[in-house]
Amino acid sequence: MSTDNKARIAEYLSRFIPVQDLKDDQDIFELSFVSSMFAMQLVSFVEHEFGITVENEDLELEYFRSINALDAFVSRKLAAPVAP
């Protein structure tokens, strides 16, 4: 997992989630700071920031719950072979 990716994710989330020192494993949905609109915004951030496509089958809450979960998701997508 990339420290750089985690830092980018944490920096983005800090703009919207008023929790000082959001921990890498804190569940942002459980903290009740994520609306359906913000969830869509988060997907858009991941796609644009990391140059990946979030497919319908990727829209699992587990992939977006925390900085660690987002980092793991981004790392998996970046490591996946690109279809010809």
PDB file of N, CA and C in Angstrom:
ATOM      1  N   MET A   1       0.840  -1.177   0.000  1.00  0.00           N
ATOM      2  CA  MET A   1       0.000   0.000   0.000  1.00  0.00           C
ATOM      3  C   MET A   1       0.887   1.242   0.000  1.00  0.00           C
ATOM      4  N   SER A   2       0.403   2.246  -0.622  1.00  0.00           N
ATOM      5  CA  SER A   2       1.218   3.435  -0.808  1.00  0.00           C
ATOM      6  C   SER A   2       0.944   4.494   0.250  1.00  0.00           C
ATOM      7  N   THR A   3       2.009   4.977   0.856  1.00  0.00           N
ATOM      8  CA  THR A   3       1.884   6.067   1.812  1.00  0.00           C
ATOM      9  C   THR A   3       1.430   7.328   1.095  1.00  0.00           C
ATOM     10  N   ASP A   4       1.923   7.513  -0.127  1.00  0.00           N
ATOM     11  CA  ASP A   4       1.525   8.673  -0.913  1.00  0.00           C
ATOM     12  C   ASP A   4       0.025   8.648  -1.202  1.00  0.00           C
ATOM     13  N   ASN A   5      -0.486   7.494  -1.590  1.00  0.00           N
ATOM     14  CA  ASN A   5      -1.924   7.379  -1.855  1.00  0.00           C
ATOM     15  C   ASN A   5      -2.722   7.663  -0.586  1.00  0.00           C
ATOM     16  N   LYS A   6      -2.273   7.124   0.529  1.00  0.00           N
ATOM     17  CA  LYS A   6      -2.966   7.369   1.799  1.00  0.00           C
ATOM     18  C   LYS A   6      -2.974   8.857   2.126  1.00  0.00           C
ATOM     19  N   ALA A   7      -1.862   9.515   1.911  1.00  0.00           N
ATOM     20  CA  ALA A   7      -1.772  10.957   2.198  1.00  0.00           C
ATOM     21  C   ALA A   7      -2.725  11.739   1.300  1.00  0.00           C
ATOM     22  N   ARG A   8      -2.809  11.354   0.040  1.00  0.00           N
ATOM     23  CA  ARG A   8      -3.714  12.040  -0.893  1.00  0.00           C
ATOM     24  C   ARG A   8      -5.172  11.823  -0.485  1.00  0.00           C
ATOM     25  N   ILE A   9      -5.492  10.602  -0.094  1.00  0.00           N
ATOM     26  CA  ILE A   9      -6.858  10.295   0.348  1.00  0.00           C
ATOM     27  C   ILE A   9      -7.176  11.057   1.639  1.00  0.00           C
ATOM     28  N   ALA A  10      -6.266  11.018   2.581  1.00  0.00           N
ATOM     29  CA  ALA A  10      -6.480  11.699   3.870  1.00  0.00           C
ATOM     30  C   ALA A  10      -6.639  13.202   3.670  1.00  0.00           C
ATOM     31  N   GLU A  11      -5.839  13.778   2.796  1.00  0.00           N
ATOM     32  CA  GLU A  11      -5.920  15.214   2.530  1.00  0.00           C
ATOM     33  C   GLU A  11      -7.285  15.555   1.937  1.00  0.00           C
ATOM     34  N   TYR A  12      -7.748  14.731   1.010  1.00  0.00           N
ATOM     35  CA  TYR A  12      -9.059  14.978   0.403  1.00  0.00           C
ATOM     36  C   TYR A  12     -10.170  14.886   1.455  1.00  0.00           C
ATOM     37  N   LEU A  13     -10.155  13.821   2.245  1.00  0.00           N
ATOM     38  CA  LEU A  13     -11.200  13.632   3.247  1.00  0.00           C
ATOM     39  C   LEU A  13     -11.186  14.746   4.293  1.00  0.00           C
ATOM     40  N   SER A  14     -10.005  15.252   4.612  1.00  0.00           N
ATOM     41  CA  SER A  14      -9.915  16.299   5.639  1.00  0.00           C
ATOM     42  C   SER A  14     -10.632  17.579   5.222  1.00  0.00           C
ATOM     43  N   ARG A  15     -10.837  17.750   3.928  1.00  0.00           N
ATOM     44  CA  ARG A  15     -11.562  18.936   3.460  1.00  0.00           C
ATOM     45  C   ARG A  15     -13.048  18.873   3.787  1.00  0.00           C
ATOM     46  N   PHE A  16     -13.553  17.659   3.982  1.00  0.00           N
ATOM     47  CA  PHE A  16     -15.000  17.484   4.143  1.00  0.00           C
ATOM     48  C   PHE A  16     -15.414  16.889   5.483  1.00  0.00           C
ATOM     49  N   ILE A  17     -14.501  16.205   6.150  1.00  0.00           N
ATOM     50  CA  ILE A  17     -14.841  15.525   7.396  1.00  0.00           C
ATOM     51  C   ILE A  17     -14.163  16.262   8.551  1.00  0.00           C
ATOM     52  N   PRO A  18     -14.978  16.885   9.413  1.00  0.00           N
ATOM     53  CA  PRO A  18     -14.421  17.708  10.477  1.00  0.00           C
ATOM     54  C   PRO A  18     -13.922  16.905  11.680  1.00  0.00           C
ATOM     55  N   VAL A  19     -13.035  15.965  11.407  1.00  0.00           N
ATOM     56  CA  VAL A  19     -12.427  15.182  12.483  1.00  0.00           C
ATOM     57  C   VAL A  19     -10.930  15.436  12.415  1.00  0.00           C
ATOM     58  N   GLN A  20     -10.387  15.932  13.492  1.00  0.00           N
ATOM     59  CA  GLN A  20      -8.951  16.159  13.530  1.00  0.00           C
ATOM     60  C   GLN A  20      -8.255  14.805  13.607  1.00  0.00           C
ATOM     61  N   ASP A  21      -7.228  14.667  12.823  1.00  0.00           N
ATOM     62  CA  ASP A  21      -6.428  13.442  12.831  1.00  0.00           C
ATOM     63  C   ASP A  21      -7.276  12.197  12.575  1.00  0.00           C
ATOM     64  N   LEU A  22      -7.987  12.209  11.480  1.00  0.00           N
ATOM     65  CA  LEU A  22      -8.762  11.034  11.077  1.00  0.00           C
ATOM     66  C   LEU A  22      -7.802   9.851  10.959  1.00  0.00           C
ATOM     67  N   LYS A  23      -8.085   8.796  11.684  1.00  0.00           N
ATOM     68  CA  LYS A  23      -7.222   7.611  11.677  1.00  0.00           C
ATOM     69  C   LYS A  23      -7.452   6.812  10.404  1.00  0.00           C
ATOM     70  N   ASP A  24      -6.400   6.126   9.975  1.00  0.00           N
ATOM     71  CA  ASP A  24      -6.463   5.373   8.722  1.00  0.00           C
ATOM     72  C   ASP A  24      -7.559   4.316   8.720  1.00  0.00           C
ATOM     73  N   ASP A  25      -7.910   3.798   9.891  1.00  0.00           N
ATOM     74  CA  ASP A  25      -8.909   2.731   9.947  1.00  0.00           C
ATOM     75  C   ASP A  25     -10.274   3.201  10.449  1.00  0.00           C
ATOM     76  N   GLN A  26     -10.461   4.500  10.654  1.00  0.00           N
ATOM     77  CA  GLN A  26     -11.761   5.000  11.103  1.00  0.00           C
ATOM     78  C   GLN A  26     -12.783   4.920   9.977  1.00  0.00           C
ATOM     79  N   ASP A  27     -13.951   4.422  10.315  1.00  0.00           N
ATOM     80  CA  ASP A  27     -15.033   4.236   9.354  1.00  0.00           C
ATOM     81  C   ASP A  27     -15.749   5.573   9.137  1.00  0.00           C
ATOM     82  N   ILE A  28     -15.548   6.172   7.964  1.00  0.00           N
ATOM     83  CA  ILE A  28     -16.140   7.493   7.709  1.00  0.00           C
ATOM     84  C   ILE A  28     -17.656   7.418   7.562  1.00  0.00           C
ATOM     85  N   PHE A  29     -18.176   6.260   7.228  1.00  0.00           N
ATOM     86  CA  PHE A  29     -19.632   6.106   7.145  1.00  0.00           C
ATOM     87  C   PHE A  29     -20.209   6.006   8.558  1.00  0.00           C
ATOM     88  N   GLU A  30     -19.520   5.286   9.418  1.00  0.00           N
ATOM     89  CA  GLU A  30     -19.969   5.138  10.798  1.00  0.00           C
ATOM     90  C   GLU A  30     -19.933   6.482  11.533  1.00  0.00           C
ATOM     91  N   LEU A  31     -19.012   7.350  11.139  1.00  0.00           N
ATOM     92  CA  LEU A  31     -18.920   8.674  11.748  1.00  0.00           C
ATOM     93  C   LEU A  31     -20.052   9.580  11.282  1.00  0.00           C
ATOM     94  N   SER A  32     -20.848   9.108  10.325  1.00  0.00           N
ATOM     95  CA  SER A  32     -22.027   9.828   9.804  1.00  0.00           C
ATOM     96  C   SER A  32     -21.681  11.129   9.081  1.00  0.00           C
ATOM     97  N   PHE A  33     -20.523  11.172   8.452  1.00  0.00           N
ATOM     98  CA  PHE A  33     -20.152  12.342   7.685  1.00  0.00           C
ATOM     99  C   PHE A  33     -20.331  12.135   6.190  1.00  0.00           C
ATOM    100  N   VAL A  34     -20.840  10.980   5.790  1.00  0.00           N
ATOM    101  CA  VAL A  34     -20.948  10.669   4.368  1.00  0.00           C
ATOM    102  C   VAL A  34     -22.418  10.613   3.962  1.00  0.00           C
ATOM    103  N   SER A  35     -22.802  11.535   3.108  1.00  0.00           N
ATOM    104  CA  SER A  35     -24.142  11.507   2.518  1.00  0.00           C
ATOM    105  C   SER A  35     -24.031  10.777   1.183  1.00  0.00           C
ATOM    106  N   SER A  36     -25.170  10.500   0.570  1.00  0.00           N
ATOM    107  CA  SER A  36     -25.129   9.848  -0.738  1.00  0.00           C
ATOM    108  C   SER A  36     -24.429  10.746  -1.762  1.00  0.00           C
ATOM    109  N   MET A  37     -24.603  12.055  -1.620  1.00  0.00           N
ATOM    110  CA  MET A  37     -23.934  13.000  -2.527  1.00  0.00           C
ATOM    111  C   MET A  37     -22.421  12.948  -2.321  1.00  0.00           C
ATOM    112  N   PHE A  38     -21.987  12.910  -1.078  1.00  0.00           N
ATOM    113  CA  PHE A  38     -20.547  12.857  -0.821  1.00  0.00           C
ATOM    114  C   PHE A  38     -19.973  11.525  -1.273  1.00  0.00           C
ATOM    115  N   ALA A  39     -20.737  10.451  -1.154  1.00  0.00           N
ATOM    116  CA  ALA A  39     -20.264   9.143  -1.620  1.00  0.00           C
ATOM    117  C   ALA A  39     -19.975   9.204  -3.119  1.00  0.00           C
ATOM    118  N   MET A  40     -20.851   9.841  -3.883  1.00  0.00           N
ATOM    119  CA  MET A  40     -20.625   9.991  -5.320  1.00  0.00           C
ATOM    120  C   MET A  40     -19.405  10.883  -5.596  1.00  0.00           C
ATOM    121  N   GLN A  41     -19.263  11.903  -4.793  1.00  0.00           N
ATOM    122  CA  GLN A  41     -18.112  12.802  -4.908  1.00  0.00           C
ATOM    123  C   GLN A  41     -16.816  12.049  -4.609  1.00  0.00           C
ATOM    124  N   LEU A  42     -16.876  11.152  -3.650  1.00  0.00           N
ATOM    125  CA  LEU A  42     -15.706  10.344  -3.282  1.00  0.00           C
ATOM    126  C   LEU A  42     -15.311   9.416  -4.429  1.00  0.00           C
ATOM    127  N   VAL A  43     -16.295   8.824  -5.070  1.00  0.00           N
ATOM    128  CA  VAL A  43     -16.021   7.962  -6.233  1.00  0.00           C
ATOM    129  C   VAL A  43     -15.369   8.795  -7.337  1.00  0.00           C
ATOM    130  N   SER A  44     -15.897   9.980  -7.580  1.00  0.00           N
ATOM    131  CA  SER A  44     -15.334  10.859  -8.600  1.00  0.00           C
ATOM    132  C   SER A  44     -13.900  11.249  -8.255  1.00  0.00           C
ATOM    133  N   PHE A  45     -13.647  11.547  -6.991  1.00  0.00           N
ATOM    134  CA  PHE A  45     -12.276  11.873  -6.547  1.00  0.00           C
ATOM    135  C   PHE A  45     -11.336  10.712  -6.851  1.00  0.00           C
ATOM    136  N   VAL A  46     -11.723   9.509  -6.486  1.00  0.00           N
ATOM    137  CA  VAL A  46     -10.867   8.328  -6.697  1.00  0.00           C
ATOM    138  C   VAL A  46     -10.564   8.161  -8.187  1.00  0.00           C
ATOM    139  N   GLU A  47     -11.572   8.313  -9.012  1.00  0.00           N
ATOM    140  CA  GLU A  47     -11.361   8.145 -10.453  1.00  0.00           C
ATOM    141  C   GLU A  47     -10.403   9.200 -11.015  1.00  0.00           C
ATOM    142  N   HIS A  48     -10.622  10.437 -10.656  1.00  0.00           N
ATOM    143  CA  HIS A  48      -9.805  11.518 -11.217  1.00  0.00           C
ATOM    144  C   HIS A  48      -8.417  11.584 -10.581  1.00  0.00           C
ATOM    145  N   GLU A  49      -8.350  11.402  -9.301  1.00  0.00           N
ATOM    146  CA  GLU A  49      -7.060  11.520  -8.606  1.00  0.00           C
ATOM    147  C   GLU A  49      -6.092  10.405  -8.982  1.00  0.00           C
ATOM    148  N   PHE A  50      -6.640   9.187  -9.180  1.00  0.00           N
ATOM    149  CA  PHE A  50      -5.766   8.034  -9.414  1.00  0.00           C
ATOM    150  C   PHE A  50      -5.869   7.487 -10.837  1.00  0.00           C
ATOM    151  N   GLY A  51      -6.691   8.105 -11.661  1.00  0.00           N
ATOM    152  CA  GLY A  51      -6.789   7.696 -13.053  1.00  0.00           C
ATOM    153  C   GLY A  51      -7.326   6.296 -13.241  1.00  0.00           C
ATOM    154  N   ILE A  52      -8.272   5.913 -12.403  1.00  0.00           N
ATOM    155  CA  ILE A  52      -8.877   4.583 -12.509  1.00  0.00           C
ATOM    156  C   ILE A  52     -10.372   4.734 -12.774  1.00  0.00           C
ATOM    157  N   THR A  53     -10.974   3.652 -13.214  1.00  0.00           N
ATOM    158  CA  THR A  53     -12.412   3.635 -13.429  1.00  0.00           C
ATOM    159  C   THR A  53     -13.061   2.789 -12.345  1.00  0.00           C
ATOM    160  N   VAL A  54     -14.039   3.362 -11.686  1.00  0.00           N
ATOM    161  CA  VAL A  54     -14.798   2.626 -10.679  1.00  0.00           C
ATOM    162  C   VAL A  54     -16.009   2.031 -11.384  1.00  0.00           C
ATOM    163  N   GLU A  55     -16.000   0.720 -11.504  1.00  0.00           N
ATOM    164  CA  GLU A  55     -17.087   0.019 -12.186  1.00  0.00           C
ATOM    165  C   GLU A  55     -18.263  -0.194 -11.219  1.00  0.00           C
ATOM    166  N   ASN A  56     -19.400  -0.543 -11.758  1.00  0.00           N
ATOM    167  CA  ASN A  56     -20.569  -0.800 -10.906  1.00  0.00           C
ATOM    168  C   ASN A  56     -20.280  -1.849  -9.838  1.00  0.00           C
ATOM    169  N   GLU A  57     -19.523  -2.895 -10.218  1.00  0.00           N
ATOM    170  CA  GLU A  57     -19.222  -3.957  -9.252  1.00  0.00           C
ATOM    171  C   GLU A  57     -18.226  -3.499  -8.183  1.00  0.00           C
ATOM    172  N   ASP A  58     -17.616  -2.331  -8.380  1.00  0.00           N
ATOM    173  CA  ASP A  58     -16.687  -1.785  -7.386  1.00  0.00           C
ATOM    174  C   ASP A  58     -17.414  -0.956  -6.325  1.00  0.00           C
ATOM    175  N   LEU A  59     -18.676  -0.704  -6.523  1.00  0.00           N
ATOM    176  CA  LEU A  59     -19.404   0.181  -5.617  1.00  0.00           C
ATOM    177  C   LEU A  59     -19.840  -0.542  -4.349  1.00  0.00           C
ATOM    178  N   GLU A  60     -18.859  -1.116  -3.677  1.00  0.00           N
ATOM    179  CA  GLU A  60     -19.079  -1.789  -2.395  1.00  0.00           C
ATOM    180  C   GLU A  60     -18.673  -0.831  -1.278  1.00  0.00           C
ATOM    181  N   LEU A  61     -19.523  -0.688  -0.307  1.00  0.00           N
ATOM    182  CA  LEU A  61     -19.254   0.199   0.820  1.00  0.00           C
ATOM    183  C   LEU A  61     -17.914  -0.128   1.475  1.00  0.00           C
ATOM    184  N   GLU A  62     -17.589  -1.395   1.532  1.00  0.00           N
ATOM    185  CA  GLU A  62     -16.343  -1.830   2.186  1.00  0.00           C
ATOM    186  C   GLU A  62     -15.109  -1.186   1.557  1.00  0.00           C
ATOM    187  N   TYR A  63     -15.157  -0.879   0.285  1.00  0.00           N
ATOM    188  CA  TYR A  63     -14.005  -0.304  -0.401  1.00  0.00           C
ATOM    189  C   TYR A  63     -13.807   1.180  -0.085  1.00  0.00           C
ATOM    190  N   PHE A  64     -14.805   1.809   0.496  1.00  0.00           N
ATOM    191  CA  PHE A  64     -14.767   3.258   0.690  1.00  0.00           C
ATOM    192  C   PHE A  64     -14.885   3.674   2.159  1.00  0.00           C
ATOM    193  N   ARG A  65     -14.864   2.710   3.066  1.00  0.00           N
ATOM    194  CA  ARG A  65     -15.115   2.977   4.485  1.00  0.00           C
ATOM    195  C   ARG A  65     -14.057   3.786   5.213  1.00  0.00           C
ATOM    196  N   SER A  66     -12.833   3.640   4.815  1.00  0.00           N
ATOM    197  CA  SER A  66     -11.738   4.265   5.566  1.00  0.00           C
ATOM    198  C   SER A  66     -10.583   4.592   4.625  1.00  0.00           C
ATOM    199  N   ILE A  67      -9.620   5.295   5.159  1.00  0.00           N
ATOM    200  CA  ILE A  67      -8.423   5.600   4.370  1.00  0.00           C
ATOM    201  C   ILE A  67      -7.748   4.296   3.971  1.00  0.00           C
ATOM    202  N   ASN A  68      -7.631   3.365   4.909  1.00  0.00           N
ATOM    203  CA  ASN A  68      -7.010   2.062   4.587  1.00  0.00           C
ATOM    204  C   ASN A  68      -7.789   1.321   3.502  1.00  0.00           C
ATOM    205  N   ALA A  69      -9.105   1.317   3.615  1.00  0.00           N
ATOM    206  CA  ALA A  69      -9.933   0.605   2.634  1.00  0.00           C
ATOM    207  C   ALA A  69      -9.803   1.260   1.253  1.00  0.00           C
ATOM    208  N   LEU A  70      -9.828   2.571   1.214  1.00  0.00           N
ATOM    209  CA  LEU A  70      -9.672   3.285  -0.062  1.00  0.00           C
ATOM    210  C   LEU A  70      -8.292   3.044  -0.659  1.00  0.00           C
ATOM    211  N   ASP A  71      -7.274   3.064   0.182  1.00  0.00           N
ATOM    212  CA  ASP A  71      -5.906   2.817  -0.293  1.00  0.00           C
ATOM    213  C   ASP A  71      -5.797   1.406  -0.876  1.00  0.00           C
ATOM    214  N   ALA A  72      -6.372   0.437  -0.191  1.00  0.00           N
ATOM    215  CA  ALA A  72      -6.325  -0.951  -0.691  1.00  0.00           C
ATOM    216  C   ALA A  72      -7.076  -1.057  -2.016  1.00  0.00           C
ATOM    217  N   PHE A  73      -8.225  -0.419  -2.108  1.00  0.00           N
ATOM    218  CA  PHE A  73      -9.010  -0.438  -3.344  1.00  0.00           C
ATOM    219  C   PHE A  73      -8.224   0.189  -4.496  1.00  0.00           C
ATOM    220  N   VAL A  74      -7.673   1.363  -4.254  1.00  0.00           N
ATOM    221  CA  VAL A  74      -6.892   2.055  -5.295  1.00  0.00           C
ATOM    222  C   VAL A  74      -5.689   1.204  -5.704  1.00  0.00           C
ATOM    223  N   SER A  75      -5.006   0.616  -4.749  1.00  0.00           N
ATOM    224  CA  SER A  75      -3.835  -0.219  -5.059  1.00  0.00           C
ATOM    225  C   SER A  75      -4.236  -1.417  -5.911  1.00  0.00           C
ATOM    226  N   ARG A  76      -5.360  -2.041  -5.570  1.00  0.00           N
ATOM    227  CA  ARG A  76      -5.851  -3.185  -6.368  1.00  0.00           C
ATOM    228  C   ARG A  76      -6.172  -2.755  -7.797  1.00  0.00           C
ATOM    229  N   LYS A  77      -6.854  -1.639  -7.924  1.00  0.00           N
ATOM    230  CA  LYS A  77      -7.244  -1.172  -9.268  1.00  0.00           C
ATOM    231  C   LYS A  77      -6.018  -0.782 -10.094  1.00  0.00           C
ATOM    232  N   LEU A  78      -5.040  -0.139  -9.457  1.00  0.00           N
ATOM    233  CA  LEU A  78      -3.839   0.266 -10.189  1.00  0.00           C
ATOM    234  C   LEU A  78      -3.003  -0.940 -10.588  1.00  0.00           C
ATOM    235  N   ALA A  79      -3.063  -2.004  -9.810  1.00  0.00           N
ATOM    236  CA  ALA A  79      -2.272  -3.200 -10.104  1.00  0.00           C
ATOM    237  C   ALA A  79      -2.959  -4.122 -11.108  1.00  0.00           C
ATOM    238  N   ALA A  80      -4.256  -3.918 -11.314  1.00  0.00           N
ATOM    239  CA  ALA A  80      -5.003  -4.786 -12.233  1.00  0.00           C
ATOM    240  C   ALA A  80      -4.543  -4.545 -13.668  1.00  0.00           C
ATOM    241  N   PRO A  81      -4.423  -5.628 -14.435  1.00  0.00           N
ATOM    242  CA  PRO A  81      -4.032  -5.446 -15.835  1.00  0.00           C
ATOM    243  C   PRO A  81      -5.096  -4.665 -16.602  1.00  0.00           C
ATOM    244  N   VAL A  82      -4.641  -3.856 -17.517  1.00  0.00           N
ATOM    245  CA  VAL A  82      -5.548  -3.046 -18.339  1.00  0.00           C
ATOM    246  C   VAL A  82      -6.038  -3.904 -19.500  1.00  0.00           C
ATOM    247  N   ALA A  83      -7.333  -3.887 -19.713  1.00  0.00           N
ATOM    248  CA  ALA A  83      -7.915  -4.654 -20.826  1.00  0.00           C
ATOM    249  C   ALA A  83      -7.457  -4.064 -22.151  1.00  0.00           C
ATOM    250  N   PRO A  84      -7.119  -4.921 -23.125  1.00  0.00           N
ATOM    251  CA  PRO A  84      -6.659  -4.404 -24.427  1.00  0.00           C
ATOM    252  C   PRO A  84      -7.753  -3.717 -25.196  1.00  0.00           C
TER     253      PRO A  84
END
